[in-house]
């Protein structure tokens, strides 16, 4: 698991997460 520092979830359930290495992950919640 990447240790993340910022997490934002929009109204459509899309998760934006930034890690300490400066990367951005965009994750869609399907559940």
C-alpha atoms as a PDB file:
ATOM      1  CA  UNK A   1       0.000   0.000   0.000  1.00  0.00           C
ATOM      2  CA  UNK A   2       1.350   3.388  -0.990  1.00  0.00           C
ATOM      3  CA  UNK A   3       1.358   5.813   1.908  1.00  0.00           C
ATOM      4  CA  UNK A   4      -0.787   8.694   0.686  1.00  0.00           C
ATOM      5  CA  UNK A   5      -0.961  12.212   2.056  1.00  0.00           C
ATOM      6  CA  UNK A   6      -3.949  13.770   0.245  1.00  0.00           C
ATOM      7  CA  UNK A   7      -7.205  12.086  -0.779  1.00  0.00           C
ATOM      8  CA  UNK A   8     -10.144  13.764  -2.546  1.00  0.00           C
ATOM      9  CA  UNK A   9     -13.395  12.090  -3.606  1.00  0.00           C
ATOM     10  CA  UNK A  10     -15.731  13.849  -6.049  1.00  0.00           C
ATOM     11  CA  UNK A  11     -19.499  13.490  -6.462  1.00  0.00           C
ATOM     12  CA  UNK A  12     -19.132  10.675  -9.052  1.00  0.00           C
ATOM     13  CA  UNK A  13     -17.094   8.525  -6.657  1.00  0.00           C
ATOM     14  CA  UNK A  14     -13.749   9.194  -8.326  1.00  0.00           C
ATOM     15  CA  UNK A  15     -10.897   9.126  -5.801  1.00  0.00           C
ATOM     16  CA  UNK A  16      -7.830  11.320  -6.365  1.00  0.00           C
ATOM     17  CA  UNK A  17      -4.875  10.386  -4.150  1.00  0.00           C
ATOM     18  CA  UNK A  18      -1.380  11.872  -4.056  1.00  0.00           C
ATOM     19  CA  UNK A  19       1.530   9.971  -2.531  1.00  0.00           C
ATOM     20  CA  UNK A  20       4.719  11.241  -0.911  1.00  0.00           C
ATOM     21  CA  UNK A  21       6.739  10.603  -4.088  1.00  0.00           C
ATOM     22  CA  UNK A  22       4.688  13.229  -5.930  1.00  0.00           C
ATOM     23  CA  UNK A  23       2.544  10.807  -7.904  1.00  0.00           C
ATOM     24  CA  UNK A  24      -1.190  11.169  -8.494  1.00  0.00           C
ATOM     25  CA  UNK A  25      -3.512   8.168  -8.525  1.00  0.00           C
ATOM     26  CA  UNK A  26      -7.067   8.360  -9.874  1.00  0.00           C
ATOM     27  CA  UNK A  27      -9.260   5.509  -8.607  1.00  0.00           C
ATOM     28  CA  UNK A  28     -12.889   4.794  -9.475  1.00  0.00           C
ATOM     29  CA  UNK A  29     -15.004   3.184  -6.765  1.00  0.00           C
ATOM     30  CA  UNK A  30     -17.297   0.566  -8.314  1.00  0.00           C
ATOM     31  CA  UNK A  31     -18.854  -0.973  -5.190  1.00  0.00           C
END
